[in-house]
Structure formats: C-alpha cells, structure tokens
Amino acid sequence: MVRNFEAGDKGSEVYSADGDMIGTVTDVKGNRLHVKPDTGLAGNIRQMLGWEGDEEEYELRHSSVDKIAGNEIHLKKNI
C-alpha cells in the first residue's frame, strides 16, 4: 500500500509507469497532488492522464500512484 501524501512531497517529480517524467508536485491537498506538467510532456501522455488544454496545474489522486520513493512519485500503469 502506498503511504499517504505529505506536505514534504511538494517539489517531488512525478513519473509515468514507463518512466517518463510527467511534472513536478506544486501542492498537496489531502489525497490529491497538484502537478505542474513538464514542458516537453508528450500529447499521448497528457491524453492518458486526462490532461486536456493548457492548464498550469493538474490534479492527481492518490489512487493513481503505484509507489513513492524518495522525491519520486510513480504512477500506476492503467490510470
């Protein structure tokens, strides 16, 4: 089971299940992370995450996370 999010997760990098850097955590609110997407994030990854448009930040729920290791947050394969 993945630990709960903590305030210290702010600044962590978020990675897809395939190891692609998705973005950086800008804020933690309960079971949700606010993530600023990496500028080079591919369109197919944005689509998989449901991140349509040009928002500055997007939310990720705890249920999408596979593991948290140090300052890296890794997402599940099928979210």
PDB file of N, CA and C in Angstrom:
ATOM      1  N   MET A   1       0.840  -1.182   0.000  1.00  0.00           N
ATOM      2  CA  MET A   1       0.000   0.000   0.000  1.00  0.00           C
ATOM      3  C   MET A   1       0.886   1.247   0.000  1.00  0.00           C
ATOM      4  N   VAL A   2       0.517   2.213  -0.786  1.00  0.00           N
ATOM      5  CA  VAL A   2       1.272   3.459  -0.902  1.00  0.00           C
ATOM      6  C   VAL A   2       0.941   4.362   0.292  1.00  0.00           C
ATOM      7  N   ARG A   3       1.968   4.955   0.870  1.00  0.00           N
ATOM      8  CA  ARG A   3       1.750   5.850   2.007  1.00  0.00           C
ATOM      9  C   ARG A   3       0.918   7.055   1.578  1.00  0.00           C
ATOM     10  N   ASN A   4       0.316   7.710   2.549  1.00  0.00           N
ATOM     11  CA  ASN A   4      -0.445   8.930   2.276  1.00  0.00           C
ATOM     12  C   ASN A   4       0.494  10.037   1.821  1.00  0.00           C
ATOM     13  N   PHE A   5      -0.052  10.979   1.075  1.00  0.00           N
ATOM     14  CA  PHE A   5       0.727  12.140   0.670  1.00  0.00           C
ATOM     15  C   PHE A   5       1.056  12.979   1.898  1.00  0.00           C
ATOM     16  N   GLU A   6       2.196  13.646   1.823  1.00  0.00           N
ATOM     17  CA  GLU A   6       2.646  14.508   2.910  1.00  0.00           C
ATOM     18  C   GLU A   6       3.058  15.861   2.334  1.00  0.00           C
ATOM     19  N   ALA A   7       3.077  16.871   3.186  1.00  0.00           N
ATOM     20  CA  ALA A   7       3.493  18.210   2.743  1.00  0.00           C
ATOM     21  C   ALA A   7       4.884  18.163   2.118  1.00  0.00           C
ATOM     22  N   GLY A   8       5.733  17.274   2.603  1.00  0.00           N
ATOM     23  CA  GLY A   8       7.088  17.142   2.075  1.00  0.00           C
ATOM     24  C   GLY A   8       7.158  16.612   0.656  1.00  0.00           C
ATOM     25  N   ASP A   9       6.027  16.140   0.118  1.00  0.00           N
ATOM     26  CA  ASP A   9       6.009  15.666  -1.273  1.00  0.00           C
ATOM     27  C   ASP A   9       6.038  16.822  -2.266  1.00  0.00           C
ATOM     28  N   LYS A  10       5.786  18.031  -1.774  1.00  0.00           N
ATOM     29  CA  LYS A  10       5.859  19.209  -2.646  1.00  0.00           C
ATOM     30  C   LYS A  10       7.279  19.295  -3.213  1.00  0.00           C
ATOM     31  N   GLY A  11       7.381  19.482  -4.515  1.00  0.00           N
ATOM     32  CA  GLY A  11       8.673  19.537  -5.188  1.00  0.00           C
ATOM     33  C   GLY A  11       9.106  18.196  -5.768  1.00  0.00           C
ATOM     34  N   SER A  12       8.400  17.125  -5.436  1.00  0.00           N
ATOM     35  CA  SER A  12       8.742  15.797  -5.968  1.00  0.00           C
ATOM     36  C   SER A  12       8.432  15.735  -7.454  1.00  0.00           C
ATOM     37  N   GLU A  13       9.172  14.884  -8.144  1.00  0.00           N
ATOM     38  CA  GLU A  13       8.927  14.667  -9.566  1.00  0.00           C
ATOM     39  C   GLU A  13       7.955  13.507  -9.730  1.00  0.00           C
ATOM     40  N   VAL A  14       7.074  13.618 -10.720  1.00  0.00           N
ATOM     41  CA  VAL A  14       6.068  12.595 -10.989  1.00  0.00           C
ATOM     42  C   VAL A  14       6.440  11.894 -12.293  1.00  0.00           C
ATOM     43  N   TYR A  15       6.404  10.553 -12.253  1.00  0.00           N
ATOM     44  CA  TYR A  15       6.786   9.732 -13.410  1.00  0.00           C
ATOM     45  C   TYR A  15       5.658   8.805 -13.809  1.00  0.00           C
ATOM     46  N   SER A  16       5.545   8.560 -15.107  1.00  0.00           N
ATOM     47  CA  SER A  16       4.583   7.581 -15.604  1.00  0.00           C
ATOM     48  C   SER A  16       5.098   6.190 -15.251  1.00  0.00           C
ATOM     49  N   ALA A  17       4.257   5.174 -15.451  1.00  0.00           N
ATOM     50  CA  ALA A  17       4.674   3.794 -15.204  1.00  0.00           C
ATOM     51  C   ALA A  17       5.811   3.382 -16.134  1.00  0.00           C
ATOM     52  N   ASP A  18       5.939   4.073 -17.264  1.00  0.00           N
ATOM     53  CA  ASP A  18       7.002   3.775 -18.227  1.00  0.00           C
ATOM     54  C   ASP A  18       8.285   4.556 -17.956  1.00  0.00           C
ATOM     55  N   GLY A  19       8.285   5.368 -16.884  1.00  0.00           N
ATOM     56  CA  GLY A  19       9.489   6.108 -16.513  1.00  0.00           C
ATOM     57  C   GLY A  19       9.622   7.483 -17.131  1.00  0.00           C
ATOM     58  N   ASP A  20       8.579   7.964 -17.817  1.00  0.00           N
ATOM     59  CA  ASP A  20       8.620   9.304 -18.400  1.00  0.00           C
ATOM     60  C   ASP A  20       8.323  10.339 -17.331  1.00  0.00           C
ATOM     61  N   MET A  21       9.122  11.398 -17.279  1.00  0.00           N
ATOM     62  CA  MET A  21       8.885  12.472 -16.319  1.00  0.00           C
ATOM     63  C   MET A  21       7.666  13.248 -16.764  1.00  0.00           C
ATOM     64  N   ILE A  22       6.671  13.339 -15.876  1.00  0.00           N
ATOM     65  CA  ILE A  22       5.406  13.984 -16.201  1.00  0.00           C
ATOM     66  C   ILE A  22       5.378  15.426 -15.724  1.00  0.00           C
ATOM     67  N   GLY A  23       5.888  15.656 -14.525  1.00  0.00           N
ATOM     68  CA  GLY A  23       5.851  17.002 -13.975  1.00  0.00           C
ATOM     69  C   GLY A  23       6.339  17.035 -12.539  1.00  0.00           C
ATOM     70  N   THR A  24       6.070  18.161 -11.877  1.00  0.00           N
ATOM     71  CA  THR A  24       6.539  18.398 -10.514  1.00  0.00           C
ATOM     72  C   THR A  24       5.364  18.766  -9.622  1.00  0.00           C
ATOM     73  N   VAL A  25       5.357  18.202  -8.415  1.00  0.00           N
ATOM     74  CA  VAL A  25       4.291  18.487  -7.450  1.00  0.00           C
ATOM     75  C   VAL A  25       4.442  19.919  -6.945  1.00  0.00           C
ATOM     76  N   THR A  26       3.363  20.693  -7.078  1.00  0.00           N
ATOM     77  CA  THR A  26       3.377  22.082  -6.611  1.00  0.00           C
ATOM     78  C   THR A  26       2.627  22.261  -5.301  1.00  0.00           C
ATOM     79  N   ASP A  27       1.723  21.299  -5.001  1.00  0.00           N
ATOM     80  CA  ASP A  27       0.938  21.405  -3.773  1.00  0.00           C
ATOM     81  C   ASP A  27       0.353  20.042  -3.435  1.00  0.00           C
ATOM     82  N   VAL A  28       0.097  19.839  -2.149  1.00  0.00           N
ATOM     83  CA  VAL A  28      -0.512  18.612  -1.664  1.00  0.00           C
ATOM     84  C   VAL A  28      -1.771  19.001  -0.896  1.00  0.00           C
ATOM     85  N   LYS A  29      -2.904  18.409  -1.274  1.00  0.00           N
ATOM     86  CA  LYS A  29      -4.171  18.690  -0.596  1.00  0.00           C
ATOM     87  C   LYS A  29      -4.881  17.371  -0.342  1.00  0.00           C
ATOM     88  N   GLY A  30      -4.715  16.841   0.856  1.00  0.00           N
ATOM     89  CA  GLY A  30      -5.343  15.573   1.219  1.00  0.00           C
ATOM     90  C   GLY A  30      -4.846  14.433   0.359  1.00  0.00           C
ATOM     91  N   ASN A  31      -5.780  13.793  -0.365  1.00  0.00           N
ATOM     92  CA  ASN A  31      -5.404  12.663  -1.216  1.00  0.00           C
ATOM     93  C   ASN A  31      -5.178  13.084  -2.669  1.00  0.00           C
ATOM     94  N   ARG A  32      -4.889  14.381  -2.870  1.00  0.00           N
ATOM     95  CA  ARG A  32      -4.639  14.896  -4.221  1.00  0.00           C
ATOM     96  C   ARG A  32      -3.336  15.678  -4.278  1.00  0.00           C
ATOM     97  N   LEU A  33      -2.671  15.508  -5.397  1.00  0.00           N
ATOM     98  CA  LEU A  33      -1.470  16.291  -5.690  1.00  0.00           C
ATOM     99  C   LEU A  33      -1.801  17.275  -6.789  1.00  0.00           C
ATOM    100  N   HIS A  34      -1.237  18.447  -6.725  1.00  0.00           N
ATOM    101  CA  HIS A  34      -1.314  19.402  -7.824  1.00  0.00           C
ATOM    102  C   HIS A  34       0.040  19.326  -8.522  1.00  0.00           C
ATOM    103  N   VAL A  35      -0.010  19.087  -9.831  1.00  0.00           N
ATOM    104  CA  VAL A  35       1.207  18.829 -10.604  1.00  0.00           C
ATOM    105  C   VAL A  35       1.325  19.824 -11.745  1.00  0.00           C
ATOM    106  N   LYS A  36       2.497  20.437 -11.835  1.00  0.00           N
ATOM    107  CA  LYS A  36       2.808  21.299 -12.982  1.00  0.00           C
ATOM    108  C   LYS A  36       3.441  20.400 -14.036  1.00  0.00           C
ATOM    109  N   PRO A  37       2.822  20.291 -15.218  1.00  0.00           N
ATOM    110  CA  PRO A  37       3.353  19.393 -16.245  1.00  0.00           C
ATOM    111  C   PRO A  37       4.724  19.837 -16.756  1.00  0.00           C
ATOM    112  N   ASP A  38       5.539  18.840 -17.091  1.00  0.00           N
ATOM    113  CA  ASP A  38       6.823  19.094 -17.733  1.00  0.00           C
ATOM    114  C   ASP A  38       6.551  19.730 -19.096  1.00  0.00           C
ATOM    115  N   THR A  39       7.354  20.707 -19.475  1.00  0.00           N
ATOM    116  CA  THR A  39       7.119  21.426 -20.731  1.00  0.00           C
ATOM    117  C   THR A  39       7.199  20.510 -21.952  1.00  0.00           C
ATOM    118  N   GLY A  40       7.948  19.436 -21.879  1.00  0.00           N
ATOM    119  CA  GLY A  40       8.082  18.525 -23.014  1.00  0.00           C
ATOM    120  C   GLY A  40       7.168  17.321 -22.943  1.00  0.00           C
ATOM    121  N   LEU A  41       6.137  17.382 -22.100  1.00  0.00           N
ATOM    122  CA  LEU A  41       5.245  16.241 -21.915  1.00  0.00           C
ATOM    123  C   LEU A  41       4.501  15.926 -23.215  1.00  0.00           C
ATOM    124  N   ALA A  42       4.634  14.698 -23.664  1.00  0.00           N
ATOM    125  CA  ALA A  42       4.032  14.275 -24.929  1.00  0.00           C
ATOM    126  C   ALA A  42       2.514  14.275 -24.856  1.00  0.00           C
ATOM    127  N   GLY A  43       1.892  14.555 -25.990  1.00  0.00           N
ATOM    128  CA  GLY A  43       0.440  14.619 -26.081  1.00  0.00           C
ATOM    129  C   GLY A  43      -0.249  13.323 -25.699  1.00  0.00           C
ATOM    130  N   ASN A  44       0.347  12.175 -26.040  1.00  0.00           N
ATOM    131  CA  ASN A  44      -0.298  10.901 -25.717  1.00  0.00           C
ATOM    132  C   ASN A  44      -0.309  10.654 -24.210  1.00  0.00           C
ATOM    133  N   ILE A  45       0.698  11.142 -23.507  1.00  0.00           N
ATOM    134  CA  ILE A  45       0.715  11.011 -22.049  1.00  0.00           C
ATOM    135  C   ILE A  45      -0.317  11.949 -21.435  1.00  0.00           C
ATOM    136  N   ARG A  46      -0.400  13.164 -21.946  1.00  0.00           N
ATOM    137  CA  ARG A  46      -1.436  14.104 -21.470  1.00  0.00           C
ATOM    138  C   ARG A  46      -2.825  13.492 -21.638  1.00  0.00           C
ATOM    139  N   GLN A  47      -3.064  12.878 -22.779  1.00  0.00           N
ATOM    140  CA  GLN A  47      -4.362  12.276 -23.055  1.00  0.00           C
ATOM    141  C   GLN A  47      -4.634  11.129 -22.087  1.00  0.00           C
ATOM    142  N   MET A  48      -3.645  10.280 -21.835  1.00  0.00           N
ATOM    143  CA  MET A  48      -3.797   9.161 -20.913  1.00  0.00           C
ATOM    144  C   MET A  48      -4.189   9.661 -19.517  1.00  0.00           C
ATOM    145  N   LEU A  49      -3.633  10.801 -19.113  1.00  0.00           N
ATOM    146  CA  LEU A  49      -3.904  11.365 -17.799  1.00  0.00           C
ATOM    147  C   LEU A  49      -5.189  12.176 -17.756  1.00  0.00           C
ATOM    148  N   GLY A  50      -5.764  12.437 -18.924  1.00  0.00           N
ATOM    149  CA  GLY A  50      -6.952  13.277 -18.985  1.00  0.00           C
ATOM    150  C   GLY A  50      -6.623  14.747 -18.835  1.00  0.00           C
ATOM    151  N   TRP A  51      -5.396  15.111 -19.141  1.00  0.00           N
ATOM    152  CA  TRP A  51      -4.923  16.493 -19.011  1.00  0.00           C
ATOM    153  C   TRP A  51      -5.070  17.197 -20.351  1.00  0.00           C
ATOM    154  N   GLU A  52      -6.245  17.629 -20.630  1.00  0.00           N
ATOM    155  CA  GLU A  52      -6.516  18.335 -21.879  1.00  0.00           C
ATOM    156  C   GLU A  52      -6.378  19.838 -21.655  1.00  0.00           C
ATOM    157  N   GLY A  53      -6.009  20.559 -22.673  1.00  0.00           N
ATOM    158  CA  GLY A  53      -5.894  22.010 -22.579  1.00  0.00           C
ATOM    159  C   GLY A  53      -4.510  22.443 -22.132  1.00  0.00           C
ATOM    160  N   ASP A  54      -4.404  23.703 -21.791  1.00  0.00           N
ATOM    161  CA  ASP A  54      -3.121  24.293 -21.425  1.00  0.00           C
ATOM    162  C   ASP A  54      -3.121  24.779 -19.983  1.00  0.00           C
ATOM    163  N   GLU A  55      -3.638  23.970 -19.077  1.00  0.00           N
ATOM    164  CA  GLU A  55      -3.671  24.353 -17.672  1.00  0.00           C
ATOM    165  C   GLU A  55      -2.250  24.425 -17.122  1.00  0.00           C
ATOM    166  N   GLU A  56      -2.060  25.289 -16.127  1.00  0.00           N
ATOM    167  CA  GLU A  56      -0.755  25.394 -15.479  1.00  0.00           C
ATOM    168  C   GLU A  56      -0.519  24.262 -14.508  1.00  0.00           C
ATOM    169  N   GLU A  57      -1.604  23.730 -13.921  1.00  0.00           N
ATOM    170  CA  GLU A  57      -1.513  22.627 -12.973  1.00  0.00           C
ATOM    171  C   GLU A  57      -2.675  21.668 -13.190  1.00  0.00           C
ATOM    172  N   TYR A  58      -2.433  20.410 -12.842  1.00  0.00           N
ATOM    173  CA  TYR A  58      -3.466  19.387 -12.908  1.00  0.00           C
ATOM    174  C   TYR A  58      -3.446  18.598 -11.607  1.00  0.00           C
ATOM    175  N   GLU A  59      -4.570  17.933 -11.325  1.00  0.00           N
ATOM    176  CA  GLU A  59      -4.659  17.121 -10.114  1.00  0.00           C
ATOM    177  C   GLU A  59      -4.406  15.658 -10.416  1.00  0.00           C
ATOM    178  N   LEU A  60      -3.752  15.003  -9.446  1.00  0.00           N
ATOM    179  CA  LEU A  60      -3.605  13.559  -9.464  1.00  0.00           C
ATOM    180  C   LEU A  60      -4.109  13.038  -8.135  1.00  0.00           C
ATOM    181  N   ARG A  61      -4.895  11.982  -8.171  1.00  0.00           N
ATOM    182  CA  ARG A  61      -5.421  11.378  -6.950  1.00  0.00           C
ATOM    183  C   ARG A  61      -4.477  10.279  -6.448  1.00  0.00           C
ATOM    184  N   HIS A  62      -4.543  10.037  -5.169  1.00  0.00           N
ATOM    185  CA  HIS A  62      -3.724   9.014  -4.529  1.00  0.00           C
ATOM    186  C   HIS A  62      -3.924   7.651  -5.186  1.00  0.00           C
ATOM    187  N   SER A  63      -5.126   7.371  -5.645  1.00  0.00           N
ATOM    188  CA  SER A  63      -5.438   6.082  -6.271  1.00  0.00           C
ATOM    189  C   SER A  63      -4.669   5.851  -7.577  1.00  0.00           C
ATOM    190  N   SER A  64      -4.065   6.895  -8.143  1.00  0.00           N
ATOM    191  CA  SER A  64      -3.295   6.774  -9.387  1.00  0.00           C
ATOM    192  C   SER A  64      -1.833   6.425  -9.145  1.00  0.00           C
ATOM    193  N   VAL A  65      -1.412   6.450  -7.880  1.00  0.00           N
ATOM    194  CA  VAL A  65       0.006   6.288  -7.545  1.00  0.00           C
ATOM    195  C   VAL A  65       0.338   4.831  -7.248  1.00  0.00           C
ATOM    196  N   ASP A  66       1.422   4.349  -7.857  1.00  0.00           N
ATOM    197  CA  ASP A  66       1.914   2.995  -7.636  1.00  0.00           C
ATOM    198  C   ASP A  66       2.903   2.953  -6.478  1.00  0.00           C
ATOM    199  N   LYS A  67       3.820   3.937  -6.453  1.00  0.00           N
ATOM    200  CA  LYS A  67       4.801   3.971  -5.365  1.00  0.00           C
ATOM    201  C   LYS A  67       5.377   5.369  -5.201  1.00  0.00           C
ATOM    202  N   ILE A  68       5.862   5.618  -3.998  1.00  0.00           N
ATOM    203  CA  ILE A  68       6.560   6.861  -3.682  1.00  0.00           C
ATOM    204  C   ILE A  68       7.917   6.451  -3.153  1.00  0.00           C
ATOM    205  N   ALA A  69       8.964   6.904  -3.827  1.00  0.00           N
ATOM    206  CA  ALA A  69      10.330   6.539  -3.454  1.00  0.00           C
ATOM    207  C   ALA A  69      11.174   7.802  -3.390  1.00  0.00           C
ATOM    208  N   GLY A  70      11.517   8.215  -2.184  1.00  0.00           N
ATOM    209  CA  GLY A  70      12.303   9.440  -2.024  1.00  0.00           C
ATOM    210  C   GLY A  70      11.504  10.617  -2.543  1.00  0.00           C
ATOM    211  N   ASN A  71      12.092  11.351  -3.491  1.00  0.00           N
ATOM    212  CA  ASN A  71      11.394  12.512  -4.055  1.00  0.00           C
ATOM    213  C   ASN A  71      10.819  12.203  -5.440  1.00  0.00           C
ATOM    214  N   GLU A  72      10.469  10.925  -5.657  1.00  0.00           N
ATOM    215  CA  GLU A  72       9.862  10.497  -6.917  1.00  0.00           C
ATOM    216  C   GLU A  72       8.519   9.826  -6.644  1.00  0.00           C
ATOM    217  N   ILE A  73       7.531  10.196  -7.427  1.00  0.00           N
ATOM    218  CA  ILE A  73       6.204   9.605  -7.329  1.00  0.00           C
ATOM    219  C   ILE A  73       5.930   8.920  -8.668  1.00  0.00           C
ATOM    220  N   HIS A  74       5.662   7.620  -8.605  1.00  0.00           N
ATOM    221  CA  HIS A  74       5.467   6.814  -9.813  1.00  0.00           C
ATOM    222  C   HIS A  74       4.001   6.395  -9.927  1.00  0.00           C
ATOM    223  N   LEU A  75       3.434   6.605 -11.103  1.00  0.00           N
ATOM    224  CA  LEU A  75       2.024   6.312 -11.340  1.00  0.00           C
ATOM    225  C   LEU A  75       1.813   4.854 -11.742  1.00  0.00           C
ATOM    226  N   LYS A  76       0.582   4.392 -11.554  1.00  0.00           N
ATOM    227  CA  LYS A  76       0.199   3.062 -11.977  1.00  0.00           C
ATOM    228  C   LYS A  76       0.158   2.990 -13.494  1.00  0.00           C
ATOM    229  N   LYS A  77       0.225   1.808 -14.012  1.00  0.00           N
ATOM    230  CA  LYS A  77       0.208   1.584 -15.455  1.00  0.00           C
ATOM    231  C   LYS A  77      -1.132   2.005 -16.059  1.00  0.00           C
ATOM    232  N   ASN A  78      -2.217   1.571 -15.468  1.00  0.00           N
ATOM    233  CA  ASN A  78      -3.551   1.851 -16.025  1.00  0.00           C
ATOM    234  C   ASN A  78      -4.313   2.762 -15.092  1.00  0.00           C
ATOM    235  N   ILE A  79      -4.235   4.059 -15.366  1.00  0.00           N
ATOM    236  CA  ILE A  79      -4.968   5.003 -14.504  1.00  0.00           C
ATOM    237  C   ILE A  79      -6.113   5.612 -15.260  1.00  0.00           C
TER     238      ILE A  79
END
